[in-house]
Protein backbone atom coordinates (compact mmCIF):
# COMPACT_ATOMS: atom_id res chain seq x y z
CA UNK A 1 0.00 0.00 0.00
CA UNK A 2 1.38 3.36 -1.05
CA UNK A 3 0.93 6.33 1.26
CA UNK A 4 0.22 9.59 -0.52
CA UNK A 5 0.29 13.01 1.13
CA UNK A 6 -3.49 13.13 0.89
CA UNK A 7 -3.95 9.79 2.64
CA UNK A 8 -1.39 10.80 5.26
CA UNK A 9 -3.31 13.97 6.06
CA UNK A 10 -6.58 12.04 6.20
CA UNK A 11 -5.04 9.51 8.59
CA UNK A 12 -3.75 12.36 10.76
CA UNK A 13 -7.27 13.80 10.83
CA UNK A 14 -8.66 10.42 11.84
CA UNK A 15 -6.11 10.20 14.66
CA UNK A 16 -6.95 13.68 15.95
CA UNK A 17 -10.67 12.89 15.80
CA UNK A 18 -10.09 9.64 17.68
CA UNK A 19 -8.12 11.41 20.39
CA UNK A 20 -10.88 14.03 20.68
CA UNK A 21 -13.51 11.30 21.01
CA UNK A 22 -11.61 9.43 23.72
CA UNK A 23 -10.88 12.66 25.58
CA UNK A 24 -14.54 13.65 25.42
CA UNK A 25 -15.62 10.29 26.82
CA UNK A 26 -13.19 10.66 29.71
CA UNK A 27 -14.33 14.23 30.36
CA UNK A 28 -18.00 13.25 30.34
CA UNK A 29 -17.38 10.29 32.61
CA UNK A 30 -15.58 12.47 35.15
CA UNK A 31 -18.84 14.21 35.95
CA UNK A 32 -17.60 17.78 35.51
CA UNK A 33 -16.29 18.36 31.98
CA UNK A 34 -13.89 21.27 31.64
CA UNK A 35 -15.79 22.80 28.70
CA UNK A 36 -19.27 21.87 29.94
CA UNK A 37 -21.46 18.92 29.14
CA UNK A 38 -23.05 20.42 26.04
CA UNK A 39 -19.85 21.42 24.25
CA UNK A 40 -18.08 18.19 25.19
CA UNK A 41 -21.05 16.18 23.92
CA UNK A 42 -21.00 18.11 20.65
CA UNK A 43 -17.27 17.44 20.25
CA UNK A 44 -17.90 13.74 20.88
CA UNK A 45 -20.83 13.61 18.46
CA UNK A 46 -18.81 15.26 15.69
CA UNK A 47 -15.47 13.54 16.22
CA UNK A 48 -16.70 9.96 15.90
CA UNK A 49 -18.22 10.25 12.40
CA UNK A 50 -15.41 12.57 11.28
CA UNK A 51 -12.79 10.02 12.34
CA UNK A 52 -14.58 7.22 10.51
CA UNK A 53 -14.99 9.28 7.33
CA UNK A 54 -11.34 10.40 7.37
CA UNK A 55 -10.10 6.86 7.92
CA UNK A 56 -12.21 5.39 5.15
CA UNK A 57 -11.22 8.17 2.76
CA UNK A 58 -7.54 7.56 3.54
CA UNK A 59 -7.87 3.84 2.86
CA UNK A 60 -9.71 4.47 -0.41
CA UNK A 61 -7.11 7.00 -1.51
CA UNK A 62 -4.24 4.66 -0.70
CA UNK A 63 -5.91 1.76 -2.53
CA UNK A 64 -6.60 3.93 -5.56
CA UNK A 65 -2.94 4.95 -5.77
CA UNK A 66 -1.41 1.50 -5.31
PDB file of N, CA and C in Angstrom:
ATOM      1  N   UNK A   1       0.846  -1.174   0.000  1.00  0.00           N
ATOM      2  CA  UNK A   1       0.000   0.000   0.000  1.00  0.00           C
ATOM      3  C   UNK A   1       0.890   1.235   0.000  1.00  0.00           C
ATOM      4  N   UNK A   2       0.606   2.143  -0.903  1.00  0.00           N
ATOM      5  CA  UNK A   2       1.384   3.362  -1.051  1.00  0.00           C
ATOM      6  C   UNK A   2       0.703   4.487  -0.279  1.00  0.00           C
ATOM      7  N   UNK A   3       1.478   5.203   0.520  1.00  0.00           N
ATOM      8  CA  UNK A   3       0.928   6.327   1.262  1.00  0.00           C
ATOM      9  C   UNK A   3       1.181   7.604   0.478  1.00  0.00           C
ATOM     10  N   UNK A   4       0.110   8.300   0.169  1.00  0.00           N
ATOM     11  CA  UNK A   4       0.218   9.585  -0.521  1.00  0.00           C
ATOM     12  C   UNK A   4       0.078  10.699   0.519  1.00  0.00           C
ATOM     13  N   UNK A   5       0.476  11.913   0.179  1.00  0.00           N
ATOM     14  CA  UNK A   5       0.294  13.014   1.134  1.00  0.00           C
ATOM     15  C   UNK A   5      -1.169  13.196   1.540  1.00  0.00           C
ATOM     16  N   UNK A   6      -2.066  12.989   0.586  1.00  0.00           N
ATOM     17  CA  UNK A   6      -3.494  13.128   0.895  1.00  0.00           C
ATOM     18  C   UNK A   6      -3.933  12.076   1.911  1.00  0.00           C
ATOM     19  N   UNK A   7      -3.538  10.830   1.698  1.00  0.00           N
ATOM     20  CA  UNK A   7      -3.947   9.785   2.641  1.00  0.00           C
ATOM     21  C   UNK A   7      -3.276   9.977   3.994  1.00  0.00           C
ATOM     22  N   UNK A   8      -2.066  10.516   3.995  1.00  0.00           N
ATOM     23  CA  UNK A   8      -1.393  10.798   5.260  1.00  0.00           C
ATOM     24  C   UNK A   8      -2.117  11.868   6.061  1.00  0.00           C
ATOM     25  N   UNK A   9      -2.559  12.913   5.369  1.00  0.00           N
ATOM     26  CA  UNK A   9      -3.314  13.966   6.065  1.00  0.00           C
ATOM     27  C   UNK A   9      -4.661  13.451   6.560  1.00  0.00           C
ATOM     28  N   UNK A  10      -5.301  12.609   5.762  1.00  0.00           N
ATOM     29  CA  UNK A  10      -6.576  12.043   6.197  1.00  0.00           C
ATOM     30  C   UNK A  10      -6.392  11.125   7.411  1.00  0.00           C
ATOM     31  N   UNK A  11      -5.313  10.359   7.423  1.00  0.00           N
ATOM     32  CA  UNK A  11      -5.035   9.514   8.589  1.00  0.00           C
ATOM     33  C   UNK A  11      -4.724  10.352   9.822  1.00  0.00           C
ATOM     34  N   UNK A  12      -4.022  11.459   9.635  1.00  0.00           N
ATOM     35  CA  UNK A  12      -3.753  12.361  10.760  1.00  0.00           C
ATOM     36  C   UNK A  12      -5.060  12.938  11.295  1.00  0.00           C
ATOM     37  N   UNK A  13      -5.959  13.298  10.399  1.00  0.00           N
ATOM     38  CA  UNK A  13      -7.266  13.802  10.829  1.00  0.00           C
ATOM     39  C   UNK A  13      -8.050  12.750  11.589  1.00  0.00           C
ATOM     40  N   UNK A  14      -7.976  11.495  11.137  1.00  0.00           N
ATOM     41  CA  UNK A  14      -8.662  10.417  11.836  1.00  0.00           C
ATOM     42  C   UNK A  14      -8.077  10.210  13.231  1.00  0.00           C
ATOM     43  N   UNK A  15      -6.756  10.344  13.348  1.00  0.00           N
ATOM     44  CA  UNK A  15      -6.110  10.200  14.658  1.00  0.00           C
ATOM     45  C   UNK A  15      -6.532  11.318  15.608  1.00  0.00           C
ATOM     46  N   UNK A  16      -6.549  12.540  15.114  1.00  0.00           N
ATOM     47  CA  UNK A  16      -6.954  13.677  15.950  1.00  0.00           C
ATOM     48  C   UNK A  16      -8.410  13.527  16.378  1.00  0.00           C
ATOM     49  N   UNK A  17      -9.258  13.098  15.459  1.00  0.00           N
ATOM     50  CA  UNK A  17     -10.668  12.894  15.801  1.00  0.00           C
ATOM     51  C   UNK A  17     -10.824  11.776  16.831  1.00  0.00           C
ATOM     52  N   UNK A  18     -10.044  10.725  16.700  1.00  0.00           N
ATOM     53  CA  UNK A  18     -10.094   9.639  17.682  1.00  0.00           C
ATOM     54  C   UNK A  18      -9.643  10.085  19.054  1.00  0.00           C
ATOM     55  N   UNK A  19      -8.598  10.886  19.104  1.00  0.00           N
ATOM     56  CA  UNK A  19      -8.119  11.414  20.385  1.00  0.00           C
ATOM     57  C   UNK A  19      -9.171  12.321  21.002  1.00  0.00           C
ATOM     58  N   UNK A  20      -9.823  13.143  20.172  1.00  0.00           N
ATOM     59  CA  UNK A  20     -10.876  14.029  20.675  1.00  0.00           C
ATOM     60  C   UNK A  20     -12.052  13.219  21.217  1.00  0.00           C
ATOM     61  N   UNK A  21     -12.401  12.138  20.553  1.00  0.00           N
ATOM     62  CA  UNK A  21     -13.508  11.304  21.013  1.00  0.00           C
ATOM     63  C   UNK A  21     -13.187  10.645  22.349  1.00  0.00           C
ATOM     64  N   UNK A  22     -11.995  10.081  22.465  1.00  0.00           N
ATOM     65  CA  UNK A  22     -11.612   9.431  23.723  1.00  0.00           C
ATOM     66  C   UNK A  22     -11.536  10.451  24.850  1.00  0.00           C
ATOM     67  N   UNK A  23     -10.952  11.613  24.569  1.00  0.00           N
ATOM     68  CA  UNK A  23     -10.884  12.661  25.584  1.00  0.00           C
ATOM     69  C   UNK A  23     -12.255  13.124  26.016  1.00  0.00           C
ATOM     70  N   UNK A  24     -13.180  13.224  25.080  1.00  0.00           N
ATOM     71  CA  UNK A  24     -14.537  13.646  25.419  1.00  0.00           C
ATOM     72  C   UNK A  24     -15.239  12.610  26.297  1.00  0.00           C
ATOM     73  N   UNK A  25     -15.022  11.341  25.996  1.00  0.00           N
ATOM     74  CA  UNK A  25     -15.620  10.287  26.822  1.00  0.00           C
ATOM     75  C   UNK A  25     -15.080  10.368  28.245  1.00  0.00           C
ATOM     76  N   UNK A  26     -13.775  10.547  28.378  1.00  0.00           N
ATOM     77  CA  UNK A  26     -13.191  10.661  29.713  1.00  0.00           C
ATOM     78  C   UNK A  26     -13.711  11.895  30.443  1.00  0.00           C
ATOM     79  N   UNK A  27     -13.818  13.007  29.734  1.00  0.00           N
ATOM     80  CA  UNK A  27     -14.328  14.230  30.357  1.00  0.00           C
ATOM     81  C   UNK A  27     -15.776  14.049  30.814  1.00  0.00           C
ATOM     82  N   UNK A  28     -16.599  13.450  29.973  1.00  0.00           N
ATOM     83  CA  UNK A  28     -18.004  13.250  30.345  1.00  0.00           C
ATOM     84  C   UNK A  28     -18.148  12.262  31.492  1.00  0.00           C
ATOM     85  N   UNK A  29     -17.283  11.262  31.533  1.00  0.00           N
ATOM     86  CA  UNK A  29     -17.378  10.285  32.614  1.00  0.00           C
ATOM     87  C   UNK A  29     -16.852  10.823  33.942  1.00  0.00           C
ATOM     88  N   UNK A  30     -16.090  11.905  33.903  1.00  0.00           N
ATOM     89  CA  UNK A  30     -15.581  12.474  35.154  1.00  0.00           C
ATOM     90  C   UNK A  30     -16.667  13.189  35.935  1.00  0.00           C
ATOM     91  N   UNK A  31     -17.735  13.556  35.257  1.00  0.00           N
ATOM     92  CA  UNK A  31     -18.843  14.209  35.951  1.00  0.00           C
ATOM     93  C   UNK A  31     -18.850  15.714  35.811  1.00  0.00           C
ATOM     94  N   UNK A  32     -17.686  16.330  35.676  1.00  0.00           N
ATOM     95  CA  UNK A  32     -17.601  17.784  35.508  1.00  0.00           C
ATOM     96  C   UNK A  32     -16.650  18.107  34.360  1.00  0.00           C
ATOM     97  N   UNK A  33     -17.157  18.070  33.131  1.00  0.00           N
ATOM     98  CA  UNK A  33     -16.292  18.359  31.978  1.00  0.00           C
ATOM     99  C   UNK A  33     -15.772  19.792  32.010  1.00  0.00           C
ATOM    100  N   UNK A  34     -14.550  19.969  31.598  1.00  0.00           N
ATOM    101  CA  UNK A  34     -13.893  21.275  31.636  1.00  0.00           C
ATOM    102  C   UNK A  34     -14.615  22.297  30.765  1.00  0.00           C
ATOM    103  N   UNK A  35     -15.121  21.879  29.614  1.00  0.00           N
ATOM    104  CA  UNK A  35     -15.795  22.797  28.697  1.00  0.00           C
ATOM    105  C   UNK A  35     -17.316  22.718  28.801  1.00  0.00           C
ATOM    106  N   UNK A  36     -17.822  22.023  29.777  1.00  0.00           N
ATOM    107  CA  UNK A  36     -19.266  21.871  29.935  1.00  0.00           C
ATOM    108  C   UNK A  36     -19.771  20.626  29.229  1.00  0.00           C
ATOM    109  N   UNK A  37     -20.899  20.161  29.685  1.00  0.00           N
ATOM    110  CA  UNK A  37     -21.459  18.925  29.145  1.00  0.00           C
ATOM    111  C   UNK A  37     -21.906  19.096  27.698  1.00  0.00           C
ATOM    112  N   UNK A  38     -22.532  20.212  27.387  1.00  0.00           N
ATOM    113  CA  UNK A  38     -23.055  20.416  26.035  1.00  0.00           C
ATOM    114  C   UNK A  38     -21.942  20.463  24.993  1.00  0.00           C
ATOM    115  N   UNK A  39     -20.939  21.292  25.223  1.00  0.00           N
ATOM    116  CA  UNK A  39     -19.851  21.416  24.247  1.00  0.00           C
ATOM    117  C   UNK A  39     -19.061  20.119  24.123  1.00  0.00           C
ATOM    118  N   UNK A  40     -18.811  19.458  25.233  1.00  0.00           N
ATOM    119  CA  UNK A  40     -18.079  18.190  25.186  1.00  0.00           C
ATOM    120  C   UNK A  40     -18.884  17.126  24.450  1.00  0.00           C
ATOM    121  N   UNK A  41     -20.192  17.119  24.647  1.00  0.00           N
ATOM    122  CA  UNK A  41     -21.051  16.183  23.916  1.00  0.00           C
ATOM    123  C   UNK A  41     -21.063  16.466  22.428  1.00  0.00           C
ATOM    124  N   UNK A  42     -21.050  17.748  22.064  1.00  0.00           N
ATOM    125  CA  UNK A  42     -21.000  18.113  20.646  1.00  0.00           C
ATOM    126  C   UNK A  42     -19.680  17.665  20.033  1.00  0.00           C
ATOM    127  N   UNK A  43     -18.581  17.883  20.745  1.00  0.00           N
ATOM    128  CA  UNK A  43     -17.270  17.444  20.252  1.00  0.00           C
ATOM    129  C   UNK A  43     -17.265  15.935  20.044  1.00  0.00           C
ATOM    130  N   UNK A  44     -17.829  15.203  20.998  1.00  0.00           N
ATOM    131  CA  UNK A  44     -17.897  13.744  20.882  1.00  0.00           C
ATOM    132  C   UNK A  44     -18.757  13.334  19.693  1.00  0.00           C
ATOM    133  N   UNK A  45     -19.912  13.972  19.546  1.00  0.00           N
ATOM    134  CA  UNK A  45     -20.830  13.609  18.463  1.00  0.00           C
ATOM    135  C   UNK A  45     -20.252  13.906  17.085  1.00  0.00           C
ATOM    136  N   UNK A  46     -19.412  14.919  16.979  1.00  0.00           N
ATOM    137  CA  UNK A  46     -18.810  15.256  15.685  1.00  0.00           C
ATOM    138  C   UNK A  46     -17.536  14.478  15.407  1.00  0.00           C
ATOM    139  N   UNK A  47     -16.771  14.161  16.448  1.00  0.00           N
ATOM    140  CA  UNK A  47     -15.474  13.544  16.222  1.00  0.00           C
ATOM    141  C   UNK A  47     -15.569  12.075  15.810  1.00  0.00           C
ATOM    142  N   UNK A  48     -16.586  11.374  16.264  1.00  0.00           N
ATOM    143  CA  UNK A  48     -16.698   9.955  15.897  1.00  0.00           C
ATOM    144  C   UNK A  48     -16.970   9.786  14.405  1.00  0.00           C
ATOM    145  N   UNK A  49     -18.015  10.423  13.846  1.00  0.00           N
ATOM    146  CA  UNK A  49     -18.216  10.245  12.403  1.00  0.00           C
ATOM    147  C   UNK A  49     -17.086  10.844  11.561  1.00  0.00           C
ATOM    148  N   UNK A  50     -16.510  11.956  12.016  1.00  0.00           N
ATOM    149  CA  UNK A  50     -15.409  12.571  11.280  1.00  0.00           C
ATOM    150  C   UNK A  50     -14.211  11.629  11.219  1.00  0.00           C
ATOM    151  N   UNK A  51     -13.905  10.970  12.320  1.00  0.00           N
ATOM    152  CA  UNK A  51     -12.794  10.023  12.340  1.00  0.00           C
ATOM    153  C   UNK A  51     -13.027   8.843  11.411  1.00  0.00           C
ATOM    154  N   UNK A  52     -14.250   8.346  11.387  1.00  0.00           N
ATOM    155  CA  UNK A  52     -14.576   7.219  10.508  1.00  0.00           C
ATOM    156  C   UNK A  52     -14.471   7.635   9.047  1.00  0.00           C
ATOM    157  N   UNK A  53     -15.029   8.800   8.717  1.00  0.00           N
ATOM    158  CA  UNK A  53     -14.995   9.285   7.332  1.00  0.00           C
ATOM    159  C   UNK A  53     -13.551   9.526   6.880  1.00  0.00           C
ATOM    160  N   UNK A  54     -12.746  10.144   7.727  1.00  0.00           N
ATOM    161  CA  UNK A  54     -11.340  10.400   7.366  1.00  0.00           C
ATOM    162  C   UNK A  54     -10.576   9.101   7.164  1.00  0.00           C
ATOM    163  N   UNK A  55     -10.802   8.139   8.035  1.00  0.00           N
ATOM    164  CA  UNK A  55     -10.095   6.865   7.922  1.00  0.00           C
ATOM    165  C   UNK A  55     -10.483   6.144   6.637  1.00  0.00           C
ATOM    166  N   UNK A  56     -11.771   6.074   6.361  1.00  0.00           N
ATOM    167  CA  UNK A  56     -12.212   5.386   5.149  1.00  0.00           C
ATOM    168  C   UNK A  56     -11.721   6.097   3.887  1.00  0.00           C
ATOM    169  N   UNK A  57     -11.717   7.423   3.905  1.00  0.00           N
ATOM    170  CA  UNK A  57     -11.217   8.169   2.756  1.00  0.00           C
ATOM    171  C   UNK A  57      -9.721   7.931   2.562  1.00  0.00           C
ATOM    172  N   UNK A  58      -8.968   7.830   3.647  1.00  0.00           N
ATOM    173  CA  UNK A  58      -7.536   7.562   3.544  1.00  0.00           C
ATOM    174  C   UNK A  58      -7.275   6.177   2.952  1.00  0.00           C
ATOM    175  N   UNK A  59      -8.042   5.197   3.380  1.00  0.00           N
ATOM    176  CA  UNK A  59      -7.866   3.840   2.855  1.00  0.00           C
ATOM    177  C   UNK A  59      -8.221   3.803   1.378  1.00  0.00           C
ATOM    178  N   UNK A  60      -9.316   4.446   1.007  1.00  0.00           N
ATOM    179  CA  UNK A  60      -9.710   4.467  -0.407  1.00  0.00           C
ATOM    180  C   UNK A  60      -8.671   5.174  -1.261  1.00  0.00           C
ATOM    181  N   UNK A  61      -8.127   6.279  -0.755  1.00  0.00           N
ATOM    182  CA  UNK A  61      -7.111   7.004  -1.515  1.00  0.00           C
ATOM    183  C   UNK A  61      -5.850   6.159  -1.673  1.00  0.00           C
ATOM    184  N   UNK A  62      -5.449   5.493  -0.623  1.00  0.00           N
ATOM    185  CA  UNK A  62      -4.241   4.663  -0.703  1.00  0.00           C
ATOM    186  C   UNK A  62      -4.453   3.481  -1.650  1.00  0.00           C
ATOM    187  N   UNK A  63      -5.629   2.885  -1.616  1.00  0.00           N
ATOM    188  CA  UNK A  63      -5.911   1.762  -2.527  1.00  0.00           C
ATOM    189  C   UNK A  63      -5.993   2.222  -3.979  1.00  0.00           C
ATOM    190  N   UNK A  64      -6.500   3.421  -4.197  1.00  0.00           N
ATOM    191  CA  UNK A  64      -6.604   3.934  -5.565  1.00  0.00           C
ATOM    192  C   UNK A  64      -5.235   4.261  -6.148  1.00  0.00           C
ATOM    193  N   UNK A  65      -4.275   4.569  -5.299  1.00  0.00           N
ATOM    194  CA  UNK A  65      -2.939   4.946  -5.771  1.00  0.00           C
ATOM    195  C   UNK A  65      -1.926   3.818  -5.681  1.00  0.00           C
ATOM    196  N   UNK A  66      -2.379   2.623  -5.413  1.00  0.00           N
ATOM    197  CA  UNK A  66      -1.414   1.502  -5.308  1.00  0.00           C
ATOM    198  C   UNK A  66      -1.339   0.725  -6.589  1.00  0.00           C
TER     199      UNK A  66
END
